[in-house]
Amino acid sequence: MLPECQLYGTLGCHLCEVAEALLMPFVEHGLLVEVIDIAEHEHLVDDYSLRIPILRRTDTGAELDWPFEAEQIVEFLRSA
């Protein structure tokens, strides 16, 4: 079973768009990813503004910082 994830980013962020595209094959195979715009949450801007995009597991809170590739996503999803 794949863990649910969140992708932290913001509108107009080219790297965030690249990260979303990289995640699409995983979504097509059942990964649930909630896209969160950090601009809508002041505390997220404080925490993530210089780090986005960030992939976060909702079950463990583990975060995968950009840049990441498909192989790193696989390992991230497998780790507990």
PDB file of N, CA and C in Angstrom:
ATOM      1  N   MET A   1       0.849  -1.187   0.000  1.00  0.00           N
ATOM      2  CA  MET A   1       0.000   0.000   0.000  1.00  0.00           C
ATOM      3  C   MET A   1       0.889   1.242   0.000  1.00  0.00           C
ATOM      4  N   LEU A   2       0.614   2.136  -0.889  1.00  0.00           N
ATOM      5  CA  LEU A   2       1.395   3.368  -0.983  1.00  0.00           C
ATOM      6  C   LEU A   2       0.951   4.371   0.082  1.00  0.00           C
ATOM      7  N   PRO A   3       1.905   5.074   0.685  1.00  0.00           N
ATOM      8  CA  PRO A   3       1.525   6.092   1.671  1.00  0.00           C
ATOM      9  C   PRO A   3       0.939   7.315   0.969  1.00  0.00           C
ATOM     10  N   GLU A   4       0.089   8.036   1.668  1.00  0.00           N
ATOM     11  CA  GLU A   4      -0.404   9.311   1.129  1.00  0.00           C
ATOM     12  C   GLU A   4       0.688  10.351   1.307  1.00  0.00           C
ATOM     13  N   CYS A   5       0.745  11.270   0.354  1.00  0.00           N
ATOM     14  CA  CYS A   5       1.784  12.298   0.378  1.00  0.00           C
ATOM     15  C   CYS A   5       1.190  13.677   0.128  1.00  0.00           C
ATOM     16  N   GLN A   6       2.002  14.662   0.436  1.00  0.00           N
ATOM     17  CA  GLN A   6       1.681  16.052   0.136  1.00  0.00           C
ATOM     18  C   GLN A   6       2.861  16.619  -0.639  1.00  0.00           C
ATOM     19  N   LEU A   7       2.553  17.450  -1.624  1.00  0.00           N
ATOM     20  CA  LEU A   7       3.597  18.144  -2.363  1.00  0.00           C
ATOM     21  C   LEU A   7       3.463  19.625  -2.059  1.00  0.00           C
ATOM     22  N   TYR A   8       4.451  20.157  -1.358  1.00  0.00           N
ATOM     23  CA  TYR A   8       4.464  21.580  -1.031  1.00  0.00           C
ATOM     24  C   TYR A   8       5.099  22.347  -2.173  1.00  0.00           C
ATOM     25  N   GLY A   9       4.404  23.386  -2.617  1.00  0.00           N
ATOM     26  CA  GLY A   9       4.896  24.233  -3.695  1.00  0.00           C
ATOM     27  C   GLY A   9       4.091  25.507  -3.729  1.00  0.00           C
ATOM     28  N   THR A  10       4.130  26.191  -4.866  1.00  0.00           N
ATOM     29  CA  THR A  10       3.321  27.389  -5.041  1.00  0.00           C
ATOM     30  C   THR A  10       3.130  27.653  -6.523  1.00  0.00           C
ATOM     31  N   LEU A  11       2.127  28.434  -6.851  1.00  0.00           N
ATOM     32  CA  LEU A  11       1.858  28.782  -8.248  1.00  0.00           C
ATOM     33  C   LEU A  11       3.035  29.556  -8.828  1.00  0.00           C
ATOM     34  N   GLY A  12       3.324  29.293 -10.077  1.00  0.00           N
ATOM     35  CA  GLY A  12       4.401  30.008 -10.752  1.00  0.00           C
ATOM     36  C   GLY A  12       5.783  29.459 -10.475  1.00  0.00           C
ATOM     37  N   CYS A  13       5.860  28.375  -9.733  1.00  0.00           N
ATOM     38  CA  CYS A  13       7.147  27.745  -9.405  1.00  0.00           C
ATOM     39  C   CYS A  13       7.430  26.669 -10.459  1.00  0.00           C
ATOM     40  N   HIS A  14       8.400  26.942 -11.328  1.00  0.00           N
ATOM     41  CA  HIS A  14       8.733  26.002 -12.404  1.00  0.00           C
ATOM     42  C   HIS A  14       9.171  24.648 -11.845  1.00  0.00           C
ATOM     43  N   LEU A  15       9.976  24.653 -10.802  1.00  0.00           N
ATOM     44  CA  LEU A  15      10.441  23.395 -10.230  1.00  0.00           C
ATOM     45  C   LEU A  15       9.287  22.586  -9.639  1.00  0.00           C
ATOM     46  N   CYS A  16       8.295  23.290  -9.105  1.00  0.00           N
ATOM     47  CA  CYS A  16       7.113  22.611  -8.565  1.00  0.00           C
ATOM     48  C   CYS A  16       6.342  21.913  -9.684  1.00  0.00           C
ATOM     49  N   GLU A  17       6.261  22.557 -10.827  1.00  0.00           N
ATOM     50  CA  GLU A  17       5.600  21.950 -11.987  1.00  0.00           C
ATOM     51  C   GLU A  17       6.358  20.716 -12.451  1.00  0.00           C
ATOM     52  N   VAL A  18       7.671  20.788 -12.446  1.00  0.00           N
ATOM     53  CA  VAL A  18       8.497  19.638 -12.826  1.00  0.00           C
ATOM     54  C   VAL A  18       8.275  18.496 -11.838  1.00  0.00           C
ATOM     55  N   ALA A  19       8.233  18.813 -10.551  1.00  0.00           N
ATOM     56  CA  ALA A  19       8.003  17.790  -9.528  1.00  0.00           C
ATOM     57  C   ALA A  19       6.632  17.138  -9.707  1.00  0.00           C
ATOM     58  N   GLU A  20       5.616  17.942  -9.994  1.00  0.00           N
ATOM     59  CA  GLU A  20       4.276  17.391 -10.223  1.00  0.00           C
ATOM     60  C   GLU A  20       4.291  16.427 -11.397  1.00  0.00           C
ATOM     61  N   ALA A  21       4.947  16.817 -12.481  1.00  0.00           N
ATOM     62  CA  ALA A  21       5.020  15.955 -13.665  1.00  0.00           C
ATOM     63  C   ALA A  21       5.766  14.661 -13.342  1.00  0.00           C
ATOM     64  N   LEU A  22       6.797  14.742 -12.540  1.00  0.00           N
ATOM     65  CA  LEU A  22       7.564  13.569 -12.144  1.00  0.00           C
ATOM     66  C   LEU A  22       6.722  12.620 -11.294  1.00  0.00           C
ATOM     67  N   LEU A  23       5.797  13.158 -10.522  1.00  0.00           N
ATOM     68  CA  LEU A  23       4.938  12.339  -9.658  1.00  0.00           C
ATOM     69  C   LEU A  23       3.760  11.708 -10.401  1.00  0.00           C
ATOM     70  N   MET A  24       3.412  12.216 -11.576  1.00  0.00           N
ATOM     71  CA  MET A  24       2.217  11.735 -12.283  1.00  0.00           C
ATOM     72  C   MET A  24       2.203  10.223 -12.524  1.00  0.00           C
ATOM     73  N   PRO A  25       3.293   9.592 -12.954  1.00  0.00           N
ATOM     74  CA  PRO A  25       3.240   8.130 -13.120  1.00  0.00           C
ATOM     75  C   PRO A  25       2.933   7.399 -11.807  1.00  0.00           C
ATOM     76  N   PHE A  26       3.389   7.937 -10.692  1.00  0.00           N
ATOM     77  CA  PHE A  26       3.097   7.330  -9.394  1.00  0.00           C
ATOM     78  C   PHE A  26       1.619   7.504  -9.051  1.00  0.00           C
ATOM     79  N   VAL A  27       1.069   8.666  -9.361  1.00  0.00           N
ATOM     80  CA  VAL A  27      -0.352   8.934  -9.130  1.00  0.00           C
ATOM     81  C   VAL A  27      -1.197   7.992  -9.988  1.00  0.00           C
ATOM     82  N   GLU A  28      -0.765   7.783 -11.211  1.00  0.00           N
ATOM     83  CA  GLU A  28      -1.497   6.879 -12.102  1.00  0.00           C
ATOM     84  C   GLU A  28      -1.494   5.445 -11.587  1.00  0.00           C
ATOM     85  N   HIS A  29      -0.534   5.120 -10.724  1.00  0.00           N
ATOM     86  CA  HIS A  29      -0.464   3.779 -10.135  1.00  0.00           C
ATOM     87  C   HIS A  29      -0.976   3.754  -8.690  1.00  0.00           C
ATOM     88  N   GLY A  30      -1.722   4.786  -8.294  1.00  0.00           N
ATOM     89  CA  GLY A  30      -2.421   4.746  -7.016  1.00  0.00           C
ATOM     90  C   GLY A  30      -1.888   5.627  -5.902  1.00  0.00           C
ATOM     91  N   LEU A  31      -0.792   6.339  -6.130  1.00  0.00           N
ATOM     92  CA  LEU A  31      -0.275   7.230  -5.092  1.00  0.00           C
ATOM     93  C   LEU A  31      -1.208   8.430  -4.946  1.00  0.00           C
ATOM     94  N   LEU A  32      -1.605   8.723  -3.725  1.00  0.00           N
ATOM     95  CA  LEU A  32      -2.426   9.891  -3.451  1.00  0.00           C
ATOM     96  C   LEU A  32      -1.508  11.039  -3.041  1.00  0.00           C
ATOM     97  N   VAL A  33      -1.571  12.130  -3.791  1.00  0.00           N
ATOM     98  CA  VAL A  33      -0.735  13.297  -3.519  1.00  0.00           C
ATOM     99  C   VAL A  33      -1.629  14.523  -3.426  1.00  0.00           C
ATOM    100  N   GLU A  34      -1.597  15.168  -2.276  1.00  0.00           N
ATOM    101  CA  GLU A  34      -2.303  16.423  -2.083  1.00  0.00           C
ATOM    102  C   GLU A  34      -1.317  17.548  -2.389  1.00  0.00           C
ATOM    103  N   VAL A  35      -1.661  18.397  -3.344  1.00  0.00           N
ATOM    104  CA  VAL A  35      -0.806  19.529  -3.684  1.00  0.00           C
ATOM    105  C   VAL A  35      -1.184  20.694  -2.776  1.00  0.00           C
ATOM    106  N   ILE A  36      -0.203  21.206  -2.043  1.00  0.00           N
ATOM    107  CA  ILE A  36      -0.441  22.280  -1.091  1.00  0.00           C
ATOM    108  C   ILE A  36       0.332  23.514  -1.526  1.00  0.00           C
ATOM    109  N   ASP A  37      -0.407  24.614  -1.708  1.00  0.00           N
ATOM    110  CA  ASP A  37       0.209  25.895  -2.058  1.00  0.00           C
ATOM    111  C   ASP A  37       0.638  26.584  -0.773  1.00  0.00           C
ATOM    112  N   ILE A  38       1.940  26.688  -0.579  1.00  0.00           N
ATOM    113  CA  ILE A  38       2.441  27.254   0.677  1.00  0.00           C
ATOM    114  C   ILE A  38       2.055  28.715   0.848  1.00  0.00           C
ATOM    115  N   ALA A  39       1.768  29.409  -0.260  1.00  0.00           N
ATOM    116  CA  ALA A  39       1.405  30.823  -0.184  1.00  0.00           C
ATOM    117  C   ALA A  39       0.098  31.035   0.566  1.00  0.00           C
ATOM    118  N   GLU A  40      -0.701  29.989   0.698  1.00  0.00           N
ATOM    119  CA  GLU A  40      -1.979  30.086   1.392  1.00  0.00           C
ATOM    120  C   GLU A  40      -1.853  29.890   2.903  1.00  0.00           C
ATOM    121  N   HIS A  41      -0.633  29.605   3.374  1.00  0.00           N
ATOM    122  CA  HIS A  41      -0.415  29.314   4.789  1.00  0.00           C
ATOM    123  C   HIS A  41       0.888  29.980   5.236  1.00  0.00           C
ATOM    124  N   GLU A  42       0.772  31.023   6.035  1.00  0.00           N
ATOM    125  CA  GLU A  42       1.952  31.801   6.431  1.00  0.00           C
ATOM    126  C   GLU A  42       3.036  30.944   7.078  1.00  0.00           C
ATOM    127  N   HIS A  43       2.626  30.010   7.944  1.00  0.00           N
ATOM    128  CA  HIS A  43       3.629  29.167   8.606  1.00  0.00           C
ATOM    129  C   HIS A  43       4.367  28.272   7.620  1.00  0.00           C
ATOM    130  N   LEU A  44       3.702  27.862   6.529  1.00  0.00           N
ATOM    131  CA  LEU A  44       4.374  27.052   5.519  1.00  0.00           C
ATOM    132  C   LEU A  44       5.358  27.884   4.703  1.00  0.00           C
ATOM    133  N   VAL A  45       5.008  29.143   4.453  1.00  0.00           N
ATOM    134  CA  VAL A  45       5.947  30.037   3.766  1.00  0.00           C
ATOM    135  C   VAL A  45       7.207  30.173   4.600  1.00  0.00           C
ATOM    136  N   ASP A  46       7.039  30.363   5.896  1.00  0.00           N
ATOM    137  CA  ASP A  46       8.193  30.485   6.791  1.00  0.00           C
ATOM    138  C   ASP A  46       9.063  29.230   6.754  1.00  0.00           C
ATOM    139  N   ASP A  47       8.429  28.064   6.729  1.00  0.00           N
ATOM    140  CA  ASP A  47       9.161  26.800   6.797  1.00  0.00           C
ATOM    141  C   ASP A  47       9.739  26.339   5.462  1.00  0.00           C
ATOM    142  N   TYR A  48       9.035  26.620   4.357  1.00  0.00           N
ATOM    143  CA  TYR A  48       9.377  25.971   3.090  1.00  0.00           C
ATOM    144  C   TYR A  48       9.723  26.902   1.925  1.00  0.00           C
ATOM    145  N   SER A  49       9.655  28.191   2.098  1.00  0.00           N
ATOM    146  CA  SER A  49       9.779  29.098   0.949  1.00  0.00           C
ATOM    147  C   SER A  49      11.060  28.913   0.146  1.00  0.00           C
ATOM    148  N   LEU A  50      12.149  28.582   0.794  1.00  0.00           N
ATOM    149  CA  LEU A  50      13.418  28.424   0.080  1.00  0.00           C
ATOM    150  C   LEU A  50      13.705  26.974  -0.294  1.00  0.00           C
ATOM    151  N   ARG A  51      12.794  26.061   0.080  1.00  0.00           N
ATOM    152  CA  ARG A  51      13.050  24.628  -0.128  1.00  0.00           C
ATOM    153  C   ARG A  51      12.131  23.975  -1.149  1.00  0.00           C
ATOM    154  N   ILE A  52      11.065  24.621  -1.567  1.00  0.00           N
ATOM    155  CA  ILE A  52      10.085  23.965  -2.432  1.00  0.00           C
ATOM    156  C   ILE A  52      10.684  23.620  -3.784  1.00  0.00           C
ATOM    157  N   PRO A  53      10.182  22.567  -4.393  1.00  0.00           N
ATOM    158  CA  PRO A  53       9.122  21.666  -3.942  1.00  0.00           C
ATOM    159  C   PRO A  53       9.636  20.637  -2.933  1.00  0.00           C
ATOM    160  N   ILE A  54       8.742  20.240  -2.061  1.00  0.00           N
ATOM    161  CA  ILE A  54       9.016  19.235  -1.034  1.00  0.00           C
ATOM    162  C   ILE A  54       7.920  18.176  -1.105  1.00  0.00           C
ATOM    163  N   LEU A  55       8.314  16.915  -1.142  1.00  0.00           N
ATOM    164  CA  LEU A  55       7.362  15.817  -1.054  1.00  0.00           C
ATOM    165  C   LEU A  55       7.376  15.322   0.390  1.00  0.00           C
ATOM    166  N   ARG A  56       6.194  15.254   0.997  1.00  0.00           N
ATOM    167  CA  ARG A  56       6.080  14.881   2.414  1.00  0.00           C
ATOM    168  C   ARG A  56       5.120  13.709   2.558  1.00  0.00           C
ATOM    169  N   ARG A  57       5.543  12.709   3.330  1.00  0.00           N
ATOM    170  CA  ARG A  57       4.663  11.584   3.656  1.00  0.00           C
ATOM    171  C   ARG A  57       3.771  11.980   4.819  1.00  0.00           C
ATOM    172  N   THR A  58       2.473  11.740   4.692  1.00  0.00           N
ATOM    173  CA  THR A  58       1.563  12.108   5.770  1.00  0.00           C
ATOM    174  C   THR A  58       1.615  11.117   6.927  1.00  0.00           C
ATOM    175  N   ASP A  59       2.039   9.889   6.676  1.00  0.00           N
ATOM    176  CA  ASP A  59       2.073   8.889   7.749  1.00  0.00           C
ATOM    177  C   ASP A  59       3.262   9.075   8.687  1.00  0.00           C
ATOM    178  N   THR A  60       4.409   9.448   8.158  1.00  0.00           N
ATOM    179  CA  THR A  60       5.614   9.563   8.985  1.00  0.00           C
ATOM    180  C   THR A  60       6.110  10.996   9.139  1.00  0.00           C
ATOM    181  N   GLY A  61       5.653  11.891   8.258  1.00  0.00           N
ATOM    182  CA  GLY A  61       6.154  13.261   8.268  1.00  0.00           C
ATOM    183  C   GLY A  61       7.499  13.405   7.578  1.00  0.00           C
ATOM    184  N   ALA A  62       8.032  12.303   7.027  1.00  0.00           N
ATOM    185  CA  ALA A  62       9.310  12.355   6.327  1.00  0.00           C
ATOM    186  C   ALA A  62       9.192  13.250   5.099  1.00  0.00           C
ATOM    187  N   GLU A  63      10.266  13.962   4.800  1.00  0.00           N
ATOM    188  CA  GLU A  63      10.265  14.894   3.673  1.00  0.00           C
ATOM    189  C   GLU A  63      11.382  14.569   2.702  1.00  0.00           C
ATOM    190  N   LEU A  64      11.080  14.704   1.426  1.00  0.00           N
ATOM    191  CA  LEU A  64      12.054  14.533   0.355  1.00  0.00           C
ATOM    192  C   LEU A  64      12.229  15.890  -0.312  1.00  0.00           C
ATOM    193  N   ASP A  65      13.409  16.468  -0.140  1.00  0.00           N
ATOM    194  CA  ASP A  65      13.696  17.796  -0.696  1.00  0.00           C
ATOM    195  C   ASP A  65      14.070  17.703  -2.171  1.00  0.00           C
ATOM    196  N   TRP A  66      13.726  18.733  -2.891  1.00  0.00           N
ATOM    197  CA  TRP A  66      14.128  18.880  -4.276  1.00  0.00           C
ATOM    198  C   TRP A  66      15.615  19.173  -4.322  1.00  0.00           C
ATOM    199  N   PRO A  67      16.351  18.680  -5.274  1.00  0.00           N
ATOM    200  CA  PRO A  67      15.915  17.914  -6.441  1.00  0.00           C
ATOM    201  C   PRO A  67      15.794  16.425  -6.125  1.00  0.00           C
ATOM    202  N   PHE A  68      14.799  15.789  -6.760  1.00  0.00           N
ATOM    203  CA  PHE A  68      14.652  14.344  -6.635  1.00  0.00           C
ATOM    204  C   PHE A  68      14.247  13.771  -7.981  1.00  0.00           C
ATOM    205  N   GLU A  69      14.604  12.516  -8.158  1.00  0.00           N
ATOM    206  CA  GLU A  69      14.309  11.758  -9.379  1.00  0.00           C
ATOM    207  C   GLU A  69      13.366  10.615  -9.025  1.00  0.00           C
ATOM    208  N   ALA A  70      12.874   9.934 -10.039  1.00  0.00           N
ATOM    209  CA  ALA A  70      11.915   8.843  -9.835  1.00  0.00           C
ATOM    210  C   ALA A  70      12.465   7.772  -8.888  1.00  0.00           C
ATOM    211  N   GLU A  71      13.746   7.425  -9.030  1.00  0.00           N
ATOM    212  CA  GLU A  71      14.332   6.389  -8.177  1.00  0.00           C
ATOM    213  C   GLU A  71      14.316   6.813  -6.710  1.00  0.00           C
ATOM    214  N   GLN A  72      14.557   8.089  -6.461  1.00  0.00           N
ATOM    215  CA  GLN A  72      14.536   8.589  -5.083  1.00  0.00           C
ATOM    216  C   GLN A  72      13.119   8.578  -4.520  1.00  0.00           C
ATOM    217  N   ILE A  73      12.133   8.835  -5.360  1.00  0.00           N
ATOM    218  CA  ILE A  73      10.738   8.781  -4.928  1.00  0.00           C
ATOM    219  C   ILE A  73      10.384   7.357  -4.520  1.00  0.00           C
ATOM    220  N   VAL A  74      10.806   6.379  -5.322  1.00  0.00           N
ATOM    221  CA  VAL A  74      10.538   4.971  -5.012  1.00  0.00           C
ATOM    222  C   VAL A  74      11.119   4.631  -3.643  1.00  0.00           C
ATOM    223  N   GLU A  75      12.364   4.975  -3.410  1.00  0.00           N
ATOM    224  CA  GLU A  75      13.003   4.675  -2.122  1.00  0.00           C
ATOM    225  C   GLU A  75      12.302   5.420  -0.970  1.00  0.00           C
ATOM    226  N   PHE A  76      11.908   6.653  -1.226  1.00  0.00           N
ATOM    227  CA  PHE A  76      11.200   7.458  -0.225  1.00  0.00           C
ATOM    228  C   PHE A  76       9.877   6.792   0.160  1.00  0.00           C
ATOM    229  N   LEU A  77       9.166   6.292  -0.824  1.00  0.00           N
ATOM    230  CA  LEU A  77       7.871   5.649  -0.556  1.00  0.00           C
ATOM    231  C   LEU A  77       8.038   4.308   0.146  1.00  0.00           C
ATOM    232  N   ARG A  78       9.152   3.629  -0.086  1.00  0.00           N
ATOM    233  CA  ARG A  78       9.405   2.329   0.549  1.00  0.00           C
ATOM    234  C   ARG A  78       9.858   2.451   1.993  1.00  0.00           C
ATOM    235  N   SER A  79      10.521   3.555   2.321  1.00  0.00           N
ATOM    236  CA  SER A  79      11.075   3.711   3.666  1.00  0.00           C
ATOM    237  C   SER A  79       9.948   3.905   4.673  1.00  0.00           C
ATOM    238  N   ALA A  80      10.205   3.454   5.874  1.00  0.00           N
ATOM    239  CA  ALA A  80       9.168   3.556   6.912  1.00  0.00           C
ATOM    240  C   ALA A  80       9.395   4.746   7.803  1.00  0.00           C
TER     241      ALA A  80
END
